[in-house]
Amino acid sequence: MFEEFLNPVSEELQSFAFSQDQFSVGHHVSFYFDEENQTSPLKIAILGLKEKSEDYDVDFNLIRKELYQLKVGDWTSKIIDFGDIEAGATFEDSCFAFQKVHQALLKRGFKVIVLGHLPEFTYFQYRSFDSVKTNVNLSCFDFKFRFGDESELLNANNFLSKIISQPPHNLFEYTHFGHQAYYVAQAELDLIEHLNFDVIRLGELMKSIKKVEPFTRETDLVALDLACIQASDFSSTPTPLPNGFNAREICAITRYIGTSHTVQSIYLYHYIERYKMADHLLLTQMIWYFIDGQNHKPLLVDFEDELHFEKIHVPTVEQDLVFYHNLYSDQWWIEIKNLNDHSPEGVHIVPCHKKDYSQAIRGEVPNRFWKSFKKFY
């Protein structure tokens, strides 16, 4: 069983959770998994990923203490705090334990929230899906790309190169959010474009944080570097930066991620303990918003349901486009089909933004269409 790799939450902290009032997260959280007594269709797992270091502390108990004091929303989810995976004797031991536990939780239907430090554990977060599904969609929030030398051993700067290059090749869609131009080489942007992946820089997202939503709507896993939050709002990271998302924006982002029906795992990395109450509170609020999003996802409705969807045909010079608009959630999709094939097979409907529809009615084929078309065909 995967529990052998876990160090459960201390009895003292469990007692603290149970001492909270009936409206608190602590009153509703569990600390053990009973496989024979699981009735909730939505199960949230919280997991800490520890490591040995003489330079700084990586401890999640002060975060847990603040999380347990927050109030639950109108939630139906079952929340289980599984405690921490302690650092192994070697880095390889830690990686094996994490992948084993994470994969077991995915197979049991959990939505997994992982707190950790090392960025390279994103690789094993991704590899956990190898026996879960074939086409995997990954989203990363990071101030830079991690396209280091693939021939070197796995490290913080090359995990994305490893994901792309090493078999099995299950990566289908990759979206990178929030890069800062002075940390990114043009060659890296050219590579992203060549691979038909999506990238949205920090400045674009600050104009409208809602741009995140269509790209995370069908993501399977998310890796979020806490250093992408501006240091004035969060500094419990080894690389605090003057620019980045502010506290409100990062909470909105985790809420949008939470509303995805497909997301199964979110890894919040580059955390170190600086014993700052404001940092503990922000991180717990990010977790709260993700859980709240999971509990208030829009209904899954068939695109042919006319009560929920309007189907809009938009002719352009290059291609007749079909959009789907959810009248209740105000979400948009665009239909992708082979330009030379009029049969219903092979039609894909992908999330898009309302601005793509606005662009189409001006007679322009949106970039979202062409990027998706090249991925499918």
Protein backbone atom coordinates (compact mmCIF):
# COMPACT_ATOMS: atom_id res chain seq x y z
CA MET A 1 0.00 0.00 0.00
CA PHE A 2 1.13 3.55 -0.70
CA GLU A 3 0.66 4.56 2.98
CA GLU A 4 4.03 3.01 3.86
CA PHE A 5 5.75 5.99 2.22
CA LEU A 6 3.77 8.55 4.24
CA ASN A 7 4.41 10.24 7.56
CA PRO A 8 0.89 11.09 8.82
CA VAL A 9 -0.05 14.47 10.25
CA SER A 10 0.99 14.60 13.91
CA GLU A 11 -1.56 13.73 16.58
CA GLU A 12 -1.12 17.23 18.02
CA LEU A 13 -2.06 18.85 14.72
CA GLN A 14 -4.93 16.43 14.20
CA SER A 15 -6.27 17.38 17.63
CA PHE A 16 -5.96 21.04 16.68
CA ALA A 17 -7.98 20.39 13.51
CA PHE A 18 -10.71 18.56 15.40
CA SER A 19 -10.90 21.40 17.96
CA GLN A 20 -12.03 23.86 15.29
CA ASP A 21 -15.69 24.80 14.99
CA GLN A 22 -18.10 22.89 12.75
CA PHE A 23 -17.78 25.42 9.93
CA SER A 24 -14.01 25.09 9.61
CA VAL A 25 -11.87 23.03 7.23
CA GLY A 26 -10.28 21.34 10.25
CA HIS A 27 -13.64 20.01 11.38
CA HIS A 28 -14.21 18.42 7.96
CA VAL A 29 -10.74 17.12 7.09
CA SER A 30 -9.80 13.45 7.53
CA PHE A 31 -6.33 11.99 7.97
CA TYR A 32 -6.75 8.39 6.88
CA PHE A 33 -8.10 6.72 3.77
CA ASP A 34 -10.77 4.07 4.23
CA GLU A 35 -11.09 2.46 0.80
CA GLU A 36 -14.29 0.61 1.77
CA ASN A 37 -16.09 3.69 3.04
CA GLN A 38 -15.80 6.31 0.30
CA THR A 39 -19.15 7.79 -0.73
CA SER A 40 -18.17 11.26 -1.93
CA PRO A 41 -17.70 11.49 -5.71
CA LEU A 42 -15.17 14.31 -5.17
CA LYS A 43 -12.11 13.41 -3.13
CA ILE A 44 -9.35 15.95 -2.41
CA ALA A 45 -5.93 14.76 -1.22
CA ILE A 46 -3.36 17.05 0.42
CA LEU A 47 0.24 15.87 0.33
CA GLY A 48 3.53 17.37 1.51
CA LEU A 49 6.78 16.54 -0.26
CA LYS A 50 9.77 16.90 2.07
CA GLU A 51 13.49 17.04 1.40
CA LYS A 52 16.71 17.18 3.40
CA SER A 53 18.51 20.51 3.40
CA GLU A 54 21.00 22.24 5.65
CA ASP A 55 20.23 25.63 4.09
CA TYR A 56 16.51 26.02 4.78
CA ASP A 57 13.41 24.39 6.23
CA VAL A 58 10.73 22.76 4.12
CA ASP A 59 7.90 22.23 6.57
CA PHE A 60 4.17 22.37 5.92
CA ASN A 61 2.65 22.16 9.40
CA LEU A 62 2.26 25.91 9.89
CA ILE A 63 0.45 26.04 6.54
CA ARG A 64 -1.79 23.18 7.65
CA LYS A 65 -2.59 24.98 10.89
CA GLU A 66 -3.80 28.04 8.99
CA LEU A 67 -5.72 25.94 6.46
CA TYR A 68 -7.63 24.08 9.17
CA GLN A 69 -8.88 27.42 10.55
CA LEU A 70 -10.43 28.57 7.27
CA LYS A 71 -14.17 28.15 6.80
CA VAL A 72 -15.57 25.62 4.35
CA GLY A 73 -17.77 26.82 1.53
CA ASP A 74 -20.81 25.05 0.15
CA TRP A 75 -18.72 21.94 -0.43
CA THR A 76 -19.55 18.29 -0.98
CA SER A 77 -15.94 17.11 -1.30
CA LYS A 78 -14.14 14.75 1.02
CA ILE A 79 -10.76 16.21 2.07
CA ILE A 80 -8.00 13.93 3.31
CA ASP A 81 -4.66 15.28 4.52
CA PHE A 82 -2.28 12.37 4.01
CA GLY A 83 0.66 14.07 5.69
CA ASP A 84 4.14 14.14 4.17
CA ILE A 85 6.42 11.99 2.08
CA GLU A 86 9.67 12.26 4.03
CA ALA A 87 12.94 12.69 2.18
CA GLY A 88 14.49 9.36 1.19
CA ALA A 89 18.08 8.29 1.70
CA THR A 90 18.74 9.40 -1.88
CA PHE A 91 17.03 11.68 -4.38
CA GLU A 92 16.02 8.58 -6.37
CA ASP A 93 14.33 7.12 -3.28
CA SER A 94 12.31 10.32 -2.82
CA CYS A 95 11.30 10.31 -6.48
CA PHE A 96 10.20 6.67 -6.33
CA ALA A 97 8.12 7.27 -3.20
CA PHE A 98 6.44 10.37 -4.62
CA GLN A 99 5.54 8.75 -7.92
CA LYS A 100 4.22 5.66 -6.15
CA VAL A 101 1.99 7.65 -3.79
CA HIS A 102 0.85 10.17 -6.39
CA GLN A 103 -0.04 7.49 -8.93
CA ALA A 104 -1.97 5.49 -6.32
CA LEU A 105 -4.03 8.56 -5.41
CA LEU A 106 -4.76 9.34 -9.07
CA LYS A 107 -5.97 5.78 -9.67
CA ARG A 108 -8.27 6.07 -6.66
CA GLY A 109 -9.90 9.16 -8.16
CA PHE A 110 -8.35 11.81 -5.93
CA LYS A 111 -7.69 15.39 -6.93
CA VAL A 112 -4.20 15.81 -5.49
CA ILE A 113 -2.74 19.00 -4.01
CA VAL A 114 1.03 18.64 -3.56
CA LEU A 115 3.17 21.08 -1.57
CA GLY A 116 6.89 20.89 -2.17
CA HIS A 117 10.14 22.61 -2.98
CA LEU A 118 12.04 20.98 -5.84
CA PRO A 119 10.78 21.99 -9.32
CA GLU A 120 12.09 18.75 -10.85
CA PHE A 121 9.45 16.71 -9.03
CA THR A 122 7.12 18.04 -11.76
CA TYR A 123 8.68 15.36 -13.96
CA PHE A 124 7.48 12.60 -11.62
CA GLN A 125 4.12 14.30 -11.16
CA TYR A 126 3.78 13.98 -14.94
CA ARG A 127 5.20 10.43 -15.13
CA SER A 128 2.56 9.33 -12.60
CA PHE A 129 0.03 9.59 -15.42
CA ASP A 130 1.82 6.96 -17.55
CA SER A 131 -0.53 4.21 -16.40
CA VAL A 132 -3.53 6.53 -15.96
CA LYS A 133 -4.02 8.05 -19.45
CA THR A 134 -2.16 8.43 -22.74
CA ASN A 135 -2.69 12.00 -23.95
CA VAL A 136 -1.76 14.27 -21.05
CA ASN A 137 -2.28 18.04 -20.87
CA LEU A 138 0.20 19.93 -18.68
CA SER A 139 0.04 23.56 -17.53
CA CYS A 140 2.93 25.38 -15.85
CA PHE A 141 3.01 28.75 -14.10
CA ASP A 142 6.62 29.86 -13.96
CA PHE A 143 8.63 33.01 -14.52
CA LYS A 144 10.91 31.11 -16.93
CA PHE A 145 11.02 27.96 -19.05
CA ARG A 146 12.75 24.79 -17.88
CA PHE A 147 14.43 23.84 -21.17
CA GLY A 148 17.85 22.92 -19.78
CA ASP A 149 20.27 20.39 -21.26
CA GLU A 150 18.31 17.16 -21.66
CA SER A 151 21.52 15.09 -21.57
CA GLU A 152 22.23 16.13 -17.97
CA LEU A 153 20.72 14.46 -14.93
CA LEU A 154 17.23 15.66 -14.04
CA ASN A 155 17.37 19.03 -12.32
CA ALA A 156 15.33 22.16 -11.67
CA ASN A 157 16.16 23.68 -15.05
CA ASN A 158 15.65 20.77 -17.45
CA PHE A 159 12.56 18.89 -16.28
CA LEU A 160 10.49 20.20 -19.18
CA SER A 161 13.10 19.00 -21.68
CA LYS A 162 12.93 15.58 -20.01
CA ILE A 163 9.13 15.51 -20.22
CA ILE A 164 9.19 16.31 -23.93
CA SER A 165 12.06 14.02 -24.94
CA GLN A 166 11.76 10.89 -22.82
CA PRO A 167 9.34 8.02 -23.58
CA PRO A 168 6.56 7.26 -23.24
CA HIS A 169 5.65 10.42 -25.18
CA ASN A 170 2.26 11.15 -23.62
CA LEU A 171 2.38 14.95 -23.60
CA PHE A 172 -0.40 16.28 -25.85
CA GLU A 173 -0.87 19.90 -24.82
CA TYR A 174 1.46 22.14 -22.86
CA THR A 175 0.64 25.68 -21.78
CA HIS A 176 3.06 28.01 -20.05
CA PHE A 177 1.72 30.97 -18.10
CA GLY A 178 3.40 34.02 -16.64
CA HIS A 179 6.92 34.02 -18.05
CA GLN A 180 8.89 37.25 -17.71
CA ALA A 181 10.63 38.20 -20.96
CA TYR A 182 14.03 38.99 -19.43
CA TYR A 183 14.30 35.39 -18.15
CA VAL A 184 13.43 33.79 -21.49
CA ALA A 185 15.61 33.31 -24.58
CA GLN A 186 14.09 33.85 -28.01
CA ALA A 187 15.22 30.33 -28.95
CA GLU A 188 12.97 28.96 -26.18
CA LEU A 189 9.98 30.89 -27.49
CA ASP A 190 10.74 29.62 -30.99
CA LEU A 191 10.81 26.04 -29.67
CA ILE A 192 7.43 26.50 -27.96
CA GLU A 193 6.00 27.79 -31.25
CA HIS A 194 7.55 24.93 -33.23
CA LEU A 195 5.97 22.38 -30.90
CA ASN A 196 2.53 24.06 -31.22
CA PHE A 197 2.40 24.69 -27.49
CA ASP A 198 0.81 27.77 -25.96
CA VAL A 199 2.52 30.49 -23.95
CA ILE A 200 1.03 33.58 -22.30
CA ARG A 201 3.42 36.05 -20.73
CA LEU A 202 2.90 37.76 -17.40
CA GLY A 203 1.99 41.13 -18.91
CA GLU A 204 -0.83 39.66 -20.98
CA LEU A 205 -2.32 37.87 -18.01
CA MET A 206 -2.16 40.97 -15.83
CA LYS A 207 -4.42 42.72 -18.37
CA SER A 208 -7.01 39.95 -17.94
CA ILE A 209 -6.42 37.05 -15.56
CA LYS A 210 -9.48 35.35 -17.09
CA LYS A 211 -7.31 34.41 -20.08
CA VAL A 212 -6.10 31.51 -17.92
CA GLU A 213 -9.45 29.72 -17.88
CA PRO A 214 -9.85 28.33 -21.44
CA PHE A 215 -6.31 26.93 -21.36
CA THR A 216 -6.73 25.21 -17.98
CA ARG A 217 -10.27 23.96 -18.67
CA GLU A 218 -9.01 20.62 -20.01
CA THR A 219 -5.64 20.38 -18.26
CA ASP A 220 -4.73 17.18 -16.39
CA LEU A 221 -1.99 18.52 -14.14
CA VAL A 222 -0.63 21.88 -13.10
CA ALA A 223 2.80 22.82 -11.76
CA LEU A 224 2.97 26.26 -10.17
CA ASP A 225 6.24 27.91 -9.14
CA LEU A 226 5.53 30.02 -6.05
CA ALA A 227 8.31 32.36 -7.22
CA CYS A 228 5.91 33.54 -9.94
CA ILE A 229 4.16 35.53 -7.17
CA GLN A 230 5.68 38.97 -6.60
CA ALA A 231 7.94 39.07 -3.53
CA SER A 232 5.94 41.85 -1.89
CA ASP A 233 3.04 39.37 -1.60
CA PHE A 234 4.94 36.11 -1.10
CA SER A 235 8.61 35.63 -0.21
CA SER A 236 8.78 32.06 1.18
CA THR A 237 10.70 30.88 -1.84
CA PRO A 238 14.44 30.68 -2.59
CA THR A 239 14.07 33.10 -5.53
CA PRO A 240 11.77 35.99 -4.49
CA LEU A 241 11.26 38.31 -7.47
CA PRO A 242 10.08 41.94 -7.64
CA ASN A 243 7.59 41.20 -10.44
CA GLY A 244 4.94 38.53 -10.66
CA PHE A 245 1.31 37.80 -9.93
CA ASN A 246 -0.18 39.59 -6.94
CA ALA A 247 -2.13 37.86 -4.17
CA ARG A 248 -5.55 38.42 -5.73
CA GLU A 249 -4.42 37.26 -9.16
CA ILE A 250 -2.84 34.02 -7.90
CA CYS A 251 -5.98 33.17 -5.92
CA ALA A 252 -8.11 33.80 -9.04
CA ILE A 253 -5.75 31.53 -10.99
CA THR A 254 -6.11 28.63 -8.54
CA ARG A 255 -9.89 29.13 -8.58
CA TYR A 256 -9.92 28.86 -12.39
CA ILE A 257 -7.72 25.76 -12.21
CA GLY A 258 -10.12 24.29 -9.68
CA THR A 259 -13.12 24.70 -12.00
CA SER A 260 -11.56 22.29 -14.50
CA HIS A 261 -13.31 18.92 -14.76
CA THR A 262 -10.15 17.21 -15.97
CA VAL A 263 -7.49 18.51 -13.56
CA GLN A 264 -6.25 15.75 -11.28
CA SER A 265 -3.13 17.20 -9.74
CA ILE A 266 -1.64 20.56 -8.79
CA TYR A 267 1.94 20.89 -7.54
CA LEU A 268 2.85 24.09 -5.68
CA TYR A 269 6.63 24.12 -5.66
CA HIS A 270 9.65 26.21 -4.65
CA TYR A 271 8.34 26.62 -1.09
CA ILE A 272 10.67 27.14 1.85
CA GLU A 273 9.67 28.00 5.41
CA ARG A 274 10.45 31.61 6.29
CA TYR A 275 7.96 31.70 9.19
CA LYS A 276 5.94 34.54 7.68
CA MET A 277 2.29 34.49 8.63
CA ALA A 278 1.18 36.39 5.50
CA ASP A 279 2.85 33.77 3.29
CA HIS A 280 1.17 30.92 5.17
CA LEU A 281 -2.18 32.63 4.76
CA LEU A 282 -1.77 33.26 1.03
CA LEU A 283 -0.76 29.68 0.33
CA THR A 284 -3.72 28.33 2.31
CA GLN A 285 -6.05 30.69 0.47
CA MET A 286 -4.72 29.39 -2.86
CA ILE A 287 -5.49 25.84 -1.69
CA TRP A 288 -8.93 26.97 -0.48
CA TYR A 289 -9.76 28.52 -3.85
CA PHE A 290 -8.70 25.38 -5.72
CA ILE A 291 -10.96 23.24 -3.52
CA ASP A 292 -13.79 25.76 -3.86
CA GLY A 293 -13.42 25.65 -7.65
CA GLN A 294 -13.62 21.87 -7.62
CA ASN A 295 -16.84 22.05 -5.63
CA HIS A 296 -18.44 24.58 -8.01
CA LYS A 297 -17.44 23.34 -11.45
CA PRO A 298 -19.90 24.13 -14.25
CA LEU A 299 -22.18 21.24 -15.15
CA LEU A 300 -20.93 18.86 -17.82
CA VAL A 301 -23.50 19.16 -20.59
CA ASP A 302 -23.62 17.74 -24.09
CA PHE A 303 -22.84 20.31 -26.77
CA GLU A 304 -26.08 19.39 -28.55
CA ASP A 305 -28.16 20.41 -25.51
CA GLU A 306 -29.92 23.52 -26.82
CA LEU A 307 -31.05 24.55 -23.33
CA HIS A 308 -27.44 25.11 -22.31
CA PHE A 309 -25.60 25.75 -25.57
CA GLU A 310 -25.99 27.98 -28.58
CA LYS A 311 -24.20 26.75 -31.69
CA ILE A 312 -22.91 29.61 -33.81
CA HIS A 313 -21.68 29.31 -37.42
CA VAL A 314 -19.24 32.01 -38.47
CA PRO A 315 -18.16 32.09 -42.14
CA THR A 316 -14.71 33.49 -42.90
CA VAL A 317 -12.71 33.69 -46.11
CA GLU A 318 -10.45 30.79 -45.14
CA GLN A 319 -12.76 28.53 -43.14
CA ASP A 320 -16.33 28.27 -41.88
CA LEU A 321 -16.00 28.18 -38.09
CA VAL A 322 -18.36 26.69 -35.52
CA PHE A 323 -18.48 28.00 -31.96
CA TYR A 324 -20.32 26.65 -28.91
CA HIS A 325 -21.37 29.05 -26.16
CA ASN A 326 -22.54 27.81 -22.77
CA LEU A 327 -25.35 30.18 -21.84
CA TYR A 328 -25.02 29.45 -18.12
CA SER A 329 -21.24 29.43 -17.56
CA ASP A 330 -20.43 31.87 -20.43
CA GLN A 331 -17.67 29.51 -21.60
CA TRP A 332 -16.75 29.17 -25.27
CA TRP A 333 -15.48 26.33 -27.47
CA ILE A 334 -14.43 26.13 -31.11
CA GLU A 335 -14.86 23.16 -33.43
CA ILE A 336 -11.77 21.75 -35.14
CA LYS A 337 -12.23 19.43 -38.08
CA ASN A 338 -10.14 18.28 -41.03
CA LEU A 339 -10.48 20.90 -43.75
CA ASN A 340 -10.68 18.16 -46.40
CA ASP A 341 -13.01 15.81 -44.55
CA HIS A 342 -16.77 16.41 -44.30
CA SER A 343 -17.53 13.30 -42.25
CA PRO A 344 -18.49 13.71 -38.56
CA GLU A 345 -15.54 11.57 -37.47
CA GLY A 346 -12.42 13.37 -36.37
CA VAL A 347 -14.20 16.51 -35.16
CA HIS A 348 -12.67 17.99 -32.02
CA ILE A 349 -14.20 20.69 -29.84
CA VAL A 350 -11.62 22.66 -27.87
CA PRO A 351 -11.97 25.42 -25.28
CA CYS A 352 -11.46 28.97 -26.44
CA HIS A 353 -12.08 32.52 -25.30
CA LYS A 354 -14.85 34.89 -26.31
CA LYS A 355 -12.22 37.06 -27.99
CA ASP A 356 -11.65 34.20 -30.48
CA TYR A 357 -15.31 34.42 -31.43
CA SER A 358 -15.06 38.22 -31.69
CA GLN A 359 -12.04 37.83 -33.95
CA ALA A 360 -13.94 35.35 -36.15
CA ILE A 361 -16.93 37.64 -36.69
CA ARG A 362 -14.46 40.25 -37.97
CA GLY A 363 -13.57 37.73 -40.66
CA GLU A 364 -10.29 36.51 -39.11
CA VAL A 365 -9.48 32.89 -38.25
CA PRO A 366 -8.26 32.97 -34.62
CA ASN A 367 -4.83 31.68 -33.71
CA ARG A 368 -6.51 29.25 -31.30
CA PHE A 369 -8.02 27.44 -34.30
CA TRP A 370 -4.77 27.06 -36.22
CA LYS A 371 -2.77 25.94 -33.19
CA SER A 372 -5.33 23.28 -32.34
CA PHE A 373 -5.71 22.22 -35.97
CA LYS A 374 -1.97 21.53 -36.24
CA LYS A 375 -2.07 19.44 -33.06
CA PHE A 376 -4.88 17.21 -34.32
CA TYR A 377 -3.92 17.01 -37.98
